[in-house]
Amino acid sequence: MVWPRLLPWLADYPDIKLEISSDNRFTDIVADRYDIGIRLGADVAKDMIAVRMAPDMKLAVVGSKRYFESHPPPQKPNDLHNHDCIGLRLPTHSGLMTWEFKRRAKTVNVQVSGRLTFNSSEFIVQAALAGQGLAWVPDDMARAHILAGRLLSVLDDWAITFPGYHLYYASRRASPAVALVVNALRLVQSL
């Protein structure tokens, strides 16, 4: 994540106050009087100015070796109906997140089910590591566990990629402090 790399830069600007709120909701930054928001690129409103903060996000379906000892790996997305899938519930969705897949020009959405549901991908990864089911999480959250052999990735040829995180702001609310943060972000991104 880029924010920790921005913190040393902030020390040079003691008059800038920074409040970070993270709650997985779609907040109206103008109505709630925030200067800056962060969302996946496809979720940024067209009337906002957006600056990319991160590369595109690939999602991976992962499970532990322990889980796969008693469950055959899925070969296609619809095989997930036969698995214990760890759900994600976000406040901006009316139900559990639908797992999305794409291969060539074919898109498949699967409404999964399972014994566990969380509102945090970090908790989902921990449950998958504990052998509690399959997880659909950003690849970068699972990558170290995959490389260490703690998690196995399946359905890789169906993995979908979303535009990465973007910082966004309304042009009519862009203060000098917002301009400083945006310029610092661009500098950090170039390193």
Foldseek 3Di string as FASTA:
>chain_A
DCVVVCVVVCVVPVVDDDDDDDAQAPDPCVVVVHFKDKDFPVPDDPQKDKDFQDAWWKKWKKAFPLLCVPPPFDQDVVCLQVWAEAWADGPHDPDTDWDWWDADHDIDTHDHHHDHYDNDLLVRLVCRLVRRTIYIGTCVSCVVCVVVRSMPTPPVNGIDITHHMIMIGRPVSCDVVNVVSSVSSVVSVVD
